[in-house]
Amino acid sequence: MMFRTRALPVIAAVAALAGCAKEGELVLDQGVGITSVLTTCPAVGIPDYTGDITTFRPGEDRSTASLDVTAAMTDLRSTCNDSGDQVYTEATFEVHARRTDTRGARSVTLPYFVTVLRGGSAVVSKRVGEVTLSFADGEERAVATAKAGSYVNRADASLPDDIREKITRKRRAGDVDAALDPLADPDVKAAIARTRFEMLLGFQLTEDQLAYNVRR
């Protein structure tokens, strides 16, 4: 499964962030008009191909004629509380669904996952939840809201003091490393990678459902 996310990055490169950084965040100047902020809060996003789900009527036919329910995640929002030793992130999202057979009232329950990744690949945790959509008789569409939360150890999401010192140390003209970018240092890059966390949400798809999303 591919884990390219469609959300805010952990290191945001916009000048306006300089005025928005909170206490404890590391603000890095990287040239004229560009500022990066390292934060303990994880990035939140939906991995490619997991934000949609399609179910079919019983049988082998997987053509559009056999479509049963299609649904998509949208309006993903997140909040983060990083005031304690455990950084808590909560995400809310909507699920918009459509059914092909509108006869009768019907409830459809769809599974979704929430995964925390560290350094872009290491799975820290994964949980599966459910969201239920209720179709009224004669109605083609339904909407439901769901939420998920996760915890990250604040110490794991924070740069060690020696790495912070390497990045923020004032360098004077004539210093041996005055012209060197501290963010290019392999130790610094590795340390930053270890503090990068992502909270990813998507539908808990079967192999066939994932393959269908990739193909279309």
N, C-alpha and C. Protein backbone atom coordinates (compact mmCIF):
# COMPACT_ATOMS: atom_id res chain seq x y z
N MET A 1 0.85 -1.19 0.00
CA MET A 1 0.00 0.00 0.00
C MET A 1 0.88 1.23 0.00
N MET A 2 0.53 2.22 -0.80
CA MET A 2 1.32 3.43 -0.90
C MET A 2 0.86 4.41 0.17
N PHE A 3 1.82 5.10 0.82
CA PHE A 3 1.48 5.99 1.90
C PHE A 3 1.86 7.41 1.59
N ARG A 4 1.55 7.88 0.39
CA ARG A 4 1.69 9.30 0.08
C ARG A 4 0.45 10.00 0.58
N THR A 5 0.61 10.99 1.43
CA THR A 5 -0.55 11.61 2.05
C THR A 5 -0.94 12.90 1.36
N ARG A 6 -2.22 13.23 1.51
CA ARG A 6 -2.74 14.47 0.99
C ARG A 6 -3.14 15.34 2.18
N ALA A 7 -2.12 15.93 2.84
CA ALA A 7 -2.41 16.71 4.03
C ALA A 7 -1.28 17.68 4.29
N LEU A 8 -1.36 18.38 5.43
CA LEU A 8 -0.32 19.32 5.79
C LEU A 8 0.97 18.58 6.09
N PRO A 9 2.13 19.06 5.60
CA PRO A 9 3.40 18.42 5.90
C PRO A 9 3.85 18.70 7.31
N VAL A 10 4.75 17.84 7.83
CA VAL A 10 5.30 18.05 9.15
C VAL A 10 6.16 19.31 9.16
N ILE A 11 6.92 19.54 8.10
CA ILE A 11 7.73 20.74 8.00
C ILE A 11 7.07 21.63 6.97
N ALA A 12 6.43 22.68 7.38
CA ALA A 12 5.70 23.55 6.46
C ALA A 12 6.59 24.69 6.01
N ALA A 13 6.68 24.90 4.70
CA ALA A 13 7.59 25.91 4.18
C ALA A 13 6.82 27.11 3.68
N VAL A 14 6.32 27.88 4.61
CA VAL A 14 5.66 29.11 4.25
C VAL A 14 6.09 30.19 5.22
N ALA A 15 6.29 31.40 4.70
CA ALA A 15 6.81 32.47 5.53
C ALA A 15 5.87 32.81 6.67
N ALA A 16 4.58 32.69 6.47
CA ALA A 16 3.62 33.09 7.48
C ALA A 16 3.75 32.28 8.76
N LEU A 17 4.32 31.09 8.69
CA LEU A 17 4.42 30.24 9.86
C LEU A 17 5.32 30.85 10.93
N ALA A 18 6.22 31.72 10.54
CA ALA A 18 7.13 32.31 11.51
C ALA A 18 6.38 33.00 12.62
N GLY A 19 5.25 33.62 12.28
CA GLY A 19 4.47 34.30 13.29
C GLY A 19 3.51 33.40 14.01
N CYS A 20 3.38 32.14 13.58
CA CYS A 20 2.40 31.24 14.16
C CYS A 20 3.03 30.16 15.02
N ALA A 21 4.35 30.08 15.03
CA ALA A 21 5.01 29.02 15.78
C ALA A 21 4.69 29.14 17.26
N LYS A 22 4.48 28.00 17.91
CA LYS A 22 4.17 27.98 19.32
C LYS A 22 5.44 27.69 20.11
N GLU A 23 5.33 27.90 21.41
CA GLU A 23 6.47 27.62 22.28
C GLU A 23 6.86 26.16 22.16
N GLY A 24 8.15 25.90 22.03
CA GLY A 24 8.62 24.53 21.90
C GLY A 24 8.84 24.09 20.48
N GLU A 25 8.29 24.84 19.51
CA GLU A 25 8.53 24.52 18.11
C GLU A 25 9.83 25.16 17.66
N LEU A 26 10.49 24.51 16.74
CA LEU A 26 11.77 24.99 16.24
C LEU A 26 11.55 25.68 14.91
N VAL A 27 11.89 26.96 14.85
CA VAL A 27 11.71 27.75 13.64
C VAL A 27 13.05 27.88 12.95
N LEU A 28 13.09 27.49 11.69
CA LEU A 28 14.33 27.50 10.92
C LEU A 28 14.20 28.47 9.76
N ASP A 29 15.14 29.40 9.63
CA ASP A 29 15.17 30.29 8.48
C ASP A 29 15.96 29.60 7.38
N GLN A 30 15.34 29.51 6.20
CA GLN A 30 16.00 28.83 5.09
C GLN A 30 15.99 29.72 3.86
N GLY A 31 16.49 30.92 4.01
CA GLY A 31 16.56 31.81 2.87
C GLY A 31 15.51 32.89 2.96
N VAL A 32 15.53 33.79 2.02
CA VAL A 32 14.66 34.95 2.03
C VAL A 32 13.20 34.53 1.89
N GLY A 33 12.38 34.93 2.87
CA GLY A 33 10.95 34.71 2.77
C GLY A 33 10.49 33.29 3.02
N ILE A 34 11.36 32.40 3.45
CA ILE A 34 10.96 31.00 3.69
C ILE A 34 11.33 30.61 5.11
N THR A 35 10.36 30.09 5.82
CA THR A 35 10.58 29.63 7.19
C THR A 35 9.99 28.25 7.34
N SER A 36 10.69 27.37 8.05
CA SER A 36 10.17 26.04 8.30
C SER A 36 9.93 25.88 9.80
N VAL A 37 8.89 25.15 10.14
CA VAL A 37 8.57 24.91 11.54
C VAL A 37 8.55 23.41 11.78
N LEU A 38 9.33 22.97 12.77
CA LEU A 38 9.28 21.58 13.21
C LEU A 38 8.36 21.51 14.41
N THR A 39 7.35 20.67 14.34
CA THR A 39 6.38 20.58 15.41
C THR A 39 6.24 19.14 15.88
N THR A 40 5.83 18.97 17.13
CA THR A 40 5.63 17.63 17.66
C THR A 40 4.33 17.01 17.19
N CYS A 41 3.44 17.80 16.61
CA CYS A 41 2.16 17.28 16.11
C CYS A 41 2.36 16.53 14.80
N PRO A 42 1.75 15.37 14.65
CA PRO A 42 1.90 14.61 13.41
C PRO A 42 1.14 15.23 12.26
N ALA A 43 1.61 14.99 11.05
CA ALA A 43 0.83 15.33 9.87
C ALA A 43 -0.35 14.37 9.79
N VAL A 44 -1.46 14.84 9.25
CA VAL A 44 -2.66 14.01 9.14
C VAL A 44 -3.09 13.96 7.68
N GLY A 45 -3.35 12.77 7.18
CA GLY A 45 -3.73 12.65 5.78
C GLY A 45 -4.37 11.32 5.45
N ILE A 46 -4.77 11.21 4.19
CA ILE A 46 -5.39 9.99 3.66
C ILE A 46 -4.45 9.41 2.61
N PRO A 47 -3.95 8.21 2.80
CA PRO A 47 -3.05 7.60 1.81
C PRO A 47 -3.74 7.43 0.46
N ASP A 48 -2.94 7.47 -0.60
CA ASP A 48 -3.47 7.27 -1.94
C ASP A 48 -4.28 5.98 -2.03
N TYR A 49 -5.39 6.05 -2.74
CA TYR A 49 -6.25 4.91 -3.07
C TYR A 49 -7.06 4.38 -1.89
N THR A 50 -6.99 5.01 -0.71
CA THR A 50 -7.75 4.49 0.44
C THR A 50 -8.89 5.42 0.86
N GLY A 51 -9.08 6.52 0.18
CA GLY A 51 -10.13 7.46 0.55
C GLY A 51 -11.48 7.15 -0.09
N ASP A 52 -11.53 6.09 -0.90
CA ASP A 52 -12.78 5.70 -1.56
C ASP A 52 -12.99 4.20 -1.37
N ILE A 53 -14.24 3.80 -1.37
CA ILE A 53 -14.56 2.38 -1.28
C ILE A 53 -15.77 2.09 -2.17
N THR A 54 -15.73 0.93 -2.81
CA THR A 54 -16.81 0.50 -3.69
C THR A 54 -17.20 -0.93 -3.34
N THR A 55 -18.48 -1.15 -3.15
CA THR A 55 -18.97 -2.52 -2.92
C THR A 55 -19.89 -2.91 -4.07
N PHE A 56 -19.93 -4.21 -4.31
CA PHE A 56 -20.74 -4.76 -5.41
C PHE A 56 -21.78 -5.72 -4.87
N ARG A 57 -22.79 -5.96 -5.68
CA ARG A 57 -23.79 -6.95 -5.32
C ARG A 57 -23.15 -8.34 -5.34
N PRO A 58 -23.71 -9.30 -4.63
CA PRO A 58 -23.15 -10.65 -4.61
C PRO A 58 -23.01 -11.22 -6.02
N GLY A 59 -21.93 -11.96 -6.22
CA GLY A 59 -21.67 -12.54 -7.53
C GLY A 59 -20.29 -12.15 -8.02
N GLU A 60 -19.95 -12.62 -9.19
CA GLU A 60 -18.62 -12.41 -9.75
C GLU A 60 -18.52 -11.14 -10.59
N ASP A 61 -19.64 -10.58 -10.97
CA ASP A 61 -19.64 -9.41 -11.84
C ASP A 61 -19.12 -8.19 -11.09
N ARG A 62 -18.10 -7.56 -11.65
CA ARG A 62 -17.52 -6.35 -11.05
C ARG A 62 -17.62 -5.18 -12.02
N SER A 63 -18.63 -5.19 -12.86
CA SER A 63 -18.87 -4.08 -13.77
C SER A 63 -19.73 -3.04 -13.07
N THR A 64 -19.86 -1.87 -13.70
CA THR A 64 -20.66 -0.81 -13.11
C THR A 64 -22.13 -1.22 -12.94
N ALA A 65 -22.57 -2.19 -13.73
CA ALA A 65 -23.95 -2.65 -13.62
C ALA A 65 -24.22 -3.34 -12.29
N SER A 66 -23.15 -3.81 -11.62
CA SER A 66 -23.31 -4.52 -10.35
C SER A 66 -22.91 -3.68 -9.14
N LEU A 67 -22.69 -2.40 -9.35
CA LEU A 67 -22.33 -1.53 -8.22
C LEU A 67 -23.43 -1.53 -7.17
N ASP A 68 -23.01 -1.58 -5.91
CA ASP A 68 -23.96 -1.51 -4.81
C ASP A 68 -23.85 -0.16 -4.10
N VAL A 69 -22.73 0.07 -3.45
CA VAL A 69 -22.51 1.32 -2.70
C VAL A 69 -21.12 1.86 -3.01
N THR A 70 -21.04 3.15 -3.23
CA THR A 70 -19.75 3.84 -3.34
C THR A 70 -19.70 4.91 -2.25
N ALA A 71 -18.52 5.10 -1.68
CA ALA A 71 -18.37 6.09 -0.60
C ALA A 71 -16.99 6.72 -0.68
N ALA A 72 -16.90 7.94 -0.18
CA ALA A 72 -15.63 8.67 -0.20
C ALA A 72 -15.48 9.47 1.08
N MET A 73 -14.25 9.52 1.57
CA MET A 73 -13.92 10.37 2.71
C MET A 73 -13.67 11.79 2.22
N THR A 74 -14.13 12.76 3.02
CA THR A 74 -13.92 14.16 2.65
C THR A 74 -13.91 15.02 3.90
N ASP A 75 -13.53 16.28 3.73
CA ASP A 75 -13.53 17.27 4.81
C ASP A 75 -12.76 16.78 6.03
N LEU A 76 -11.56 16.26 5.79
CA LEU A 76 -10.70 15.80 6.89
C LEU A 76 -10.14 17.00 7.64
N ARG A 77 -10.35 17.01 8.95
CA ARG A 77 -9.84 18.09 9.81
C ARG A 77 -9.19 17.47 11.03
N SER A 78 -8.22 18.18 11.60
CA SER A 78 -7.53 17.63 12.77
C SER A 78 -7.20 18.72 13.78
N THR A 79 -7.13 18.30 15.04
CA THR A 79 -6.67 19.15 16.12
C THR A 79 -5.59 18.40 16.87
N CYS A 80 -4.70 19.15 17.50
CA CYS A 80 -3.57 18.52 18.18
C CYS A 80 -3.34 19.20 19.53
N ASN A 81 -3.22 18.39 20.56
CA ASN A 81 -2.89 18.88 21.90
C ASN A 81 -1.51 18.35 22.26
N ASP A 82 -0.52 19.24 22.22
CA ASP A 82 0.85 18.82 22.50
C ASP A 82 1.37 19.41 23.80
N SER A 83 0.44 19.65 24.75
CA SER A 83 0.84 20.28 26.00
C SER A 83 1.39 19.30 27.03
N GLY A 84 1.15 18.01 26.81
CA GLY A 84 1.60 17.01 27.78
C GLY A 84 2.67 16.09 27.24
N ASP A 85 3.00 15.06 28.01
CA ASP A 85 4.01 14.09 27.58
C ASP A 85 3.52 13.25 26.42
N GLN A 86 2.21 13.10 26.29
CA GLN A 86 1.62 12.38 25.17
C GLN A 86 0.91 13.39 24.27
N VAL A 87 1.34 13.46 23.02
CA VAL A 87 0.73 14.38 22.05
C VAL A 87 -0.51 13.70 21.48
N TYR A 88 -1.67 14.33 21.71
CA TYR A 88 -2.92 13.73 21.25
C TYR A 88 -3.43 14.45 20.02
N THR A 89 -3.71 13.69 18.97
CA THR A 89 -4.25 14.23 17.74
C THR A 89 -5.61 13.60 17.48
N GLU A 90 -6.58 14.43 17.16
CA GLU A 90 -7.92 13.93 16.83
C GLU A 90 -8.31 14.43 15.45
N ALA A 91 -8.82 13.53 14.64
CA ALA A 91 -9.23 13.87 13.28
C ALA A 91 -10.72 13.56 13.12
N THR A 92 -11.42 14.44 12.42
CA THR A 92 -12.80 14.20 12.06
C THR A 92 -12.91 14.22 10.54
N PHE A 93 -13.86 13.48 10.02
CA PHE A 93 -14.06 13.45 8.57
C PHE A 93 -15.49 13.07 8.27
N GLU A 94 -15.90 13.38 7.05
CA GLU A 94 -17.23 13.00 6.58
C GLU A 94 -17.10 11.87 5.57
N VAL A 95 -18.11 11.04 5.51
CA VAL A 95 -18.20 10.00 4.49
C VAL A 95 -19.47 10.26 3.68
N HIS A 96 -19.31 10.47 2.39
CA HIS A 96 -20.43 10.68 1.49
C HIS A 96 -20.62 9.40 0.68
N ALA A 97 -21.82 8.84 0.75
CA ALA A 97 -22.08 7.55 0.10
C ALA A 97 -23.27 7.65 -0.86
N ARG A 98 -23.24 6.76 -1.82
CA ARG A 98 -24.32 6.67 -2.82
C ARG A 98 -24.63 5.20 -3.05
N ARG A 99 -25.92 4.87 -3.12
CA ARG A 99 -26.31 3.50 -3.41
C ARG A 99 -27.08 3.46 -4.72
N THR A 100 -27.04 2.32 -5.37
CA THR A 100 -27.71 2.20 -6.66
C THR A 100 -29.16 1.77 -6.53
N ASP A 101 -29.48 1.03 -5.48
CA ASP A 101 -30.85 0.56 -5.27
C ASP A 101 -31.45 1.37 -4.11
N THR A 102 -32.40 2.21 -4.42
CA THR A 102 -32.94 3.12 -3.39
C THR A 102 -34.19 2.58 -2.70
N ARG A 103 -34.53 1.35 -2.93
CA ARG A 103 -35.74 0.80 -2.33
C ARG A 103 -35.50 0.46 -0.86
N GLY A 104 -36.37 1.00 0.00
CA GLY A 104 -36.32 0.68 1.42
C GLY A 104 -35.24 1.44 2.18
N ALA A 105 -35.44 1.55 3.50
CA ALA A 105 -34.42 2.13 4.36
C ALA A 105 -33.30 1.11 4.55
N ARG A 106 -32.08 1.61 4.67
CA ARG A 106 -30.94 0.69 4.77
C ARG A 106 -29.79 1.34 5.52
N SER A 107 -29.08 0.56 6.33
CA SER A 107 -27.86 1.03 7.00
C SER A 107 -26.67 0.27 6.43
N VAL A 108 -25.61 0.98 6.16
CA VAL A 108 -24.38 0.39 5.63
C VAL A 108 -23.22 0.77 6.55
N THR A 109 -22.50 -0.21 7.03
CA THR A 109 -21.35 0.02 7.91
C THR A 109 -20.06 -0.25 7.15
N LEU A 110 -19.18 0.74 7.16
CA LEU A 110 -17.91 0.64 6.45
C LEU A 110 -16.74 0.74 7.44
N PRO A 111 -15.74 -0.11 7.29
CA PRO A 111 -14.59 -0.06 8.20
C PRO A 111 -13.55 0.96 7.72
N TYR A 112 -12.89 1.60 8.67
CA TYR A 112 -11.79 2.50 8.33
C TYR A 112 -10.64 2.28 9.32
N PHE A 113 -9.45 2.63 8.90
CA PHE A 113 -8.28 2.44 9.77
C PHE A 113 -7.69 3.80 10.15
N VAL A 114 -6.96 3.80 11.26
CA VAL A 114 -6.13 4.95 11.63
C VAL A 114 -4.77 4.38 12.04
N THR A 115 -3.75 4.82 11.32
CA THR A 115 -2.39 4.32 11.51
C THR A 115 -1.45 5.47 11.83
N VAL A 116 -0.52 5.22 12.74
CA VAL A 116 0.53 6.20 13.02
C VAL A 116 1.84 5.66 12.49
N LEU A 117 2.46 6.43 11.62
CA LEU A 117 3.77 6.07 11.06
C LEU A 117 4.85 6.96 11.63
N ARG A 118 6.04 6.40 11.79
CA ARG A 118 7.20 7.18 12.21
C ARG A 118 8.28 7.10 11.13
N GLY A 119 8.80 8.24 10.78
CA GLY A 119 9.86 8.27 9.78
C GLY A 119 9.41 7.83 8.41
N GLY A 120 8.12 7.89 8.15
CA GLY A 120 7.61 7.57 6.82
C GLY A 120 7.34 6.12 6.55
N SER A 121 7.76 5.20 7.43
CA SER A 121 7.58 3.78 7.12
C SER A 121 7.31 2.89 8.32
N ALA A 122 7.80 3.25 9.50
CA ALA A 122 7.64 2.39 10.68
C ALA A 122 6.25 2.56 11.28
N VAL A 123 5.49 1.46 11.35
CA VAL A 123 4.14 1.51 11.90
C VAL A 123 4.21 1.50 13.42
N VAL A 124 3.73 2.57 14.05
CA VAL A 124 3.72 2.68 15.50
C VAL A 124 2.45 2.06 16.07
N SER A 125 1.32 2.30 15.40
CA SER A 125 0.06 1.73 15.86
C SER A 125 -0.93 1.69 14.70
N LYS A 126 -1.92 0.82 14.82
CA LYS A 126 -3.00 0.77 13.85
C LYS A 126 -4.26 0.27 14.54
N ARG A 127 -5.34 0.98 14.29
CA ARG A 127 -6.65 0.56 14.82
C ARG A 127 -7.67 0.64 13.71
N VAL A 128 -8.73 -0.16 13.84
CA VAL A 128 -9.80 -0.16 12.85
C VAL A 128 -11.10 0.26 13.53
N GLY A 129 -11.80 1.21 12.92
CA GLY A 129 -13.09 1.66 13.41
C GLY A 129 -14.16 1.43 12.36
N GLU A 130 -15.37 1.87 12.65
CA GLU A 130 -16.48 1.70 11.72
C GLU A 130 -17.30 2.98 11.65
N VAL A 131 -17.83 3.26 10.49
CA VAL A 131 -18.75 4.37 10.31
C VAL A 131 -20.01 3.82 9.64
N THR A 132 -21.16 4.20 10.17
CA THR A 132 -22.43 3.69 9.66
C THR A 132 -23.20 4.80 8.95
N LEU A 133 -23.66 4.49 7.76
CA LEU A 133 -24.47 5.42 6.97
C LEU A 133 -25.90 4.90 6.91
N SER A 134 -26.85 5.82 7.07
CA SER A 134 -28.26 5.44 7.07
C SER A 134 -28.97 6.07 5.87
N PHE A 135 -29.46 5.21 4.99
CA PHE A 135 -30.21 5.65 3.82
C PHE A 135 -31.71 5.57 4.14
N ALA A 136 -32.41 6.66 3.90
CA ALA A 136 -33.86 6.65 4.06
C ALA A 136 -34.49 6.00 2.83
N ASP A 137 -35.69 5.52 2.99
CA ASP A 137 -36.39 4.89 1.87
C ASP A 137 -36.48 5.87 0.70
N GLY A 138 -36.05 5.40 -0.47
CA GLY A 138 -36.09 6.22 -1.67
C GLY A 138 -34.92 7.17 -1.84
N GLU A 139 -34.06 7.27 -0.81
CA GLU A 139 -32.92 8.17 -0.89
C GLU A 139 -31.71 7.46 -1.49
N GLU A 140 -31.04 8.16 -2.38
CA GLU A 140 -29.86 7.61 -3.05
C GLU A 140 -28.58 7.89 -2.27
N ARG A 141 -28.54 8.99 -1.54
CA ARG A 141 -27.31 9.43 -0.89
C ARG A 141 -27.45 9.49 0.63
N ALA A 142 -26.31 9.34 1.30
CA ALA A 142 -26.27 9.46 2.76
C ALA A 142 -24.91 10.02 3.16
N VAL A 143 -24.89 10.71 4.31
CA VAL A 143 -23.66 11.30 4.83
C VAL A 143 -23.53 10.95 6.30
N ALA A 144 -22.31 10.63 6.71
CA ALA A 144 -22.04 10.35 8.12
C ALA A 144 -20.72 11.02 8.51
N THR A 145 -20.59 11.31 9.79
CA THR A 145 -19.36 11.90 10.32
C THR A 145 -18.70 10.91 11.27
N ALA A 146 -17.39 10.84 11.22
CA ALA A 146 -16.65 9.94 12.10
C ALA A 146 -15.40 10.66 12.61
N LYS A 147 -14.79 10.09 13.63
CA LYS A 147 -13.57 10.68 14.16
C LYS A 147 -12.63 9.58 14.63
N ALA A 148 -11.37 9.94 14.74
CA ALA A 148 -10.34 9.01 15.21
C ALA A 148 -9.28 9.80 15.94
N GLY A 149 -8.60 9.14 16.85
CA GLY A 149 -7.56 9.82 17.61
C GLY A 149 -6.32 8.95 17.76
N SER A 150 -5.20 9.58 18.09
CA SER A 150 -3.96 8.83 18.29
C SER A 150 -3.05 9.60 19.24
N TYR A 151 -2.15 8.86 19.88
CA TYR A 151 -1.17 9.44 20.79
C TYR A 151 0.24 9.20 20.25
N VAL A 152 1.10 10.19 20.46
CA VAL A 152 2.52 10.08 20.12
C VAL A 152 3.32 10.54 21.33
N ASN A 153 4.33 9.78 21.68
CA ASN A 153 5.21 10.16 22.79
C ASN A 153 5.92 11.46 22.44
N ARG A 154 5.75 12.48 23.26
CA ARG A 154 6.33 13.79 22.97
C ARG A 154 7.85 13.71 22.82
N ALA A 155 8.49 12.91 23.66
CA ALA A 155 9.96 12.79 23.59
C ALA A 155 10.40 12.23 22.25
N ASP A 156 9.62 11.29 21.70
CA ASP A 156 9.97 10.71 20.41
C ASP A 156 9.80 11.70 19.26
N ALA A 157 8.90 12.67 19.44
CA ALA A 157 8.62 13.65 18.38
C ALA A 157 9.42 14.93 18.53
N SER A 158 10.36 14.94 19.49
CA SER A 158 11.16 16.14 19.74
C SER A 158 12.62 15.88 19.39
N LEU A 159 13.28 16.90 18.85
CA LEU A 159 14.69 16.77 18.51
C LEU A 159 15.55 16.77 19.77
N PRO A 160 16.59 15.93 19.82
CA PRO A 160 17.53 15.95 20.94
C PRO A 160 18.21 17.33 21.03
N ASP A 161 18.62 17.68 22.23
CA ASP A 161 19.23 19.00 22.44
C ASP A 161 20.47 19.21 21.58
N ASP A 162 21.30 18.16 21.40
CA ASP A 162 22.53 18.33 20.62
C ASP A 162 22.22 18.61 19.15
N ILE A 163 21.12 18.03 18.64
CA ILE A 163 20.73 18.29 17.25
C ILE A 163 20.16 19.69 17.11
N ARG A 164 19.37 20.10 18.09
CA ARG A 164 18.85 21.47 18.07
C ARG A 164 20.01 22.48 18.07
N GLU A 165 21.01 22.18 18.87
CA GLU A 165 22.15 23.11 18.95
C GLU A 165 22.87 23.20 17.62
N LYS A 166 23.00 22.06 16.92
CA LYS A 166 23.64 22.07 15.61
C LYS A 166 22.88 22.95 14.62
N ILE A 167 21.55 22.91 14.72
CA ILE A 167 20.73 23.65 13.77
C ILE A 167 20.70 25.14 14.09
N THR A 168 20.58 25.47 15.37
CA THR A 168 20.32 26.87 15.74
C THR A 168 21.58 27.65 16.12
N ARG A 169 22.72 26.98 16.22
CA ARG A 169 23.94 27.68 16.64
C ARG A 169 24.28 28.81 15.68
N LYS A 170 24.56 29.97 16.24
CA LYS A 170 24.95 31.12 15.42
C LYS A 170 26.34 30.89 14.85
N ARG A 171 26.48 31.09 13.57
CA ARG A 171 27.77 30.91 12.91
C ARG A 171 28.28 32.26 12.42
N ARG A 172 29.55 32.51 12.69
CA ARG A 172 30.15 33.78 12.28
C ARG A 172 31.00 33.58 11.03
N ALA A 173 31.12 34.64 10.28
CA ALA A 173 31.98 34.58 9.08
C ALA A 173 33.38 34.17 9.49
N GLY A 174 33.92 33.23 8.77
CA GLY A 174 35.26 32.72 9.09
C GLY A 174 35.24 31.40 9.79
N ASP A 175 34.06 31.03 10.39
CA ASP A 175 33.97 29.71 11.01
C ASP A 175 34.09 28.63 9.93
N VAL A 176 34.66 27.51 10.31
CA VAL A 176 34.89 26.43 9.35
C VAL A 176 33.59 26.00 8.70
N ASP A 177 32.50 25.94 9.48
CA ASP A 177 31.23 25.46 8.95
C ASP A 177 30.24 26.59 8.66
N ALA A 178 30.76 27.81 8.52
CA ALA A 178 29.87 28.97 8.34
C ALA A 178 29.02 28.84 7.09
N ALA A 179 29.57 28.25 6.04
CA ALA A 179 28.85 28.17 4.76
C ALA A 179 28.09 26.86 4.60
N LEU A 180 28.11 26.01 5.62
CA LEU A 180 27.46 24.70 5.51
C LEU A 180 26.02 24.78 6.03
N ASP A 181 25.13 24.13 5.33
CA ASP A 181 23.73 24.05 5.74
C ASP A 181 23.61 22.96 6.80
N PRO A 182 23.24 23.31 8.04
CA PRO A 182 23.15 22.28 9.08
C PRO A 182 22.12 21.21 8.77
N LEU A 183 21.10 21.56 7.97
CA LEU A 183 20.07 20.57 7.63
C LEU A 183 20.57 19.52 6.64
N ALA A 184 21.75 19.77 6.04
CA ALA A 184 22.33 18.80 5.13
C ALA A 184 23.20 17.78 5.87
N ASP A 185 23.44 18.03 7.14
CA ASP A 185 24.24 17.10 7.95
C ASP A 185 23.48 15.78 8.08
N PRO A 186 24.11 14.64 7.75
CA PRO A 186 23.42 13.35 7.82
C PRO A 186 22.82 13.05 9.19
N ASP A 187 23.53 13.43 10.26
CA ASP A 187 23.00 13.18 11.61
C ASP A 187 21.75 14.00 11.87
N VAL A 188 21.77 15.25 11.38
CA VAL A 188 20.61 16.12 11.56
C VAL A 188 19.43 15.59 10.75
N LYS A 189 19.68 15.22 9.50
CA LYS A 189 18.61 14.70 8.65
C LYS A 189 17.99 13.44 9.25
N ALA A 190 18.83 12.56 9.79
CA ALA A 190 18.33 11.32 10.38
C ALA A 190 17.51 11.61 11.63
N ALA A 191 17.96 12.57 12.43
CA ALA A 191 17.24 12.92 13.66
C ALA A 191 15.89 13.52 13.34
N ILE A 192 15.84 14.39 12.33
CA ILE A 192 14.58 14.99 11.93
C ILE A 192 13.62 13.92 11.43
N ALA A 193 14.13 12.97 10.64
CA ALA A 193 13.29 11.89 10.12
C ALA A 193 12.68 11.08 11.26
N ARG A 194 13.46 10.85 12.32
CA ARG A 194 12.95 10.05 13.45
C ARG A 194 11.83 10.76 14.20
N THR A 195 11.81 12.09 14.14
CA THR A 195 10.77 12.83 14.85
C THR A 195 9.53 13.06 14.00
N ARG A 196 9.55 12.63 12.75
CA ARG A 196 8.41 12.85 11.87
C ARG A 196 7.38 11.75 12.04
N PHE A 197 6.19 12.16 12.44
CA PHE A 197 5.08 11.22 12.62
C PHE A 197 3.95 11.62 11.69
N GLU A 198 3.21 10.62 11.23
CA GLU A 198 2.03 10.85 10.41
C GLU A 198 0.87 10.03 10.96
N MET A 199 -0.29 10.64 11.00
CA MET A 199 -1.51 9.93 11.36
C MET A 199 -2.33 9.78 10.08
N LEU A 200 -2.47 8.56 9.62
CA LEU A 200 -3.10 8.28 8.34
C LEU A 200 -4.44 7.58 8.54
N LEU A 201 -5.44 8.05 7.78
CA LEU A 201 -6.77 7.45 7.85
C LEU A 201 -7.22 7.06 6.46
N GLY A 202 -7.96 5.97 6.39
CA GLY A 202 -8.51 5.52 5.11
C GLY A 202 -9.46 4.37 5.34
N PHE A 203 -10.17 3.99 4.30
CA PHE A 203 -11.04 2.82 4.41
C PHE A 203 -10.20 1.55 4.52
N GLN A 204 -10.65 0.63 5.35
CA GLN A 204 -9.99 -0.66 5.49
C GLN A 204 -10.45 -1.53 4.33
N LEU A 205 -9.65 -1.53 3.26
CA LEU A 205 -10.06 -2.17 2.02
C LEU A 205 -9.59 -3.62 1.94
N THR A 206 -10.34 -4.43 1.22
CA THR A 206 -9.86 -5.76 0.86
C THR A 206 -8.85 -5.60 -0.28
N GLU A 207 -8.14 -6.66 -0.60
CA GLU A 207 -7.19 -6.58 -1.71
C GLU A 207 -7.90 -6.25 -3.02
N ASP A 208 -9.07 -6.83 -3.21
CA ASP A 208 -9.82 -6.57 -4.44
C ASP A 208 -10.29 -5.11 -4.51
N GLN A 209 -10.72 -4.57 -3.38
CA GLN A 209 -11.17 -3.17 -3.36
C GLN A 209 -10.02 -2.21 -3.61
N LEU A 210 -8.86 -2.51 -3.04
CA LEU A 210 -7.70 -1.66 -3.27
C LEU A 210 -7.28 -1.72 -4.74
N ALA A 211 -7.27 -2.94 -5.30
CA ALA A 211 -6.91 -3.08 -6.71
C ALA A 211 -7.89 -2.34 -7.61
N TYR A 212 -9.16 -2.36 -7.25
CA TYR A 212 -10.17 -1.65 -8.04
C TYR A 212 -9.89 -0.14 -8.01
N ASN A 213 -9.52 0.40 -6.83
CA ASN A 213 -9.21 1.82 -6.74
C ASN A 213 -7.99 2.20 -7.55
N VAL A 214 -6.99 1.31 -7.56
CA VAL A 214 -5.76 1.59 -8.31
C VAL A 214 -6.03 1.58 -9.82
N ARG A 215 -6.89 0.65 -10.27
CA ARG A 215 -7.15 0.51 -11.70
C ARG A 215 -7.96 1.66 -12.29
N ARG A 216 -8.90 2.17 -11.54
CA ARG A 216 -9.84 3.13 -12.13
C ARG A 216 -9.24 4.52 -12.29
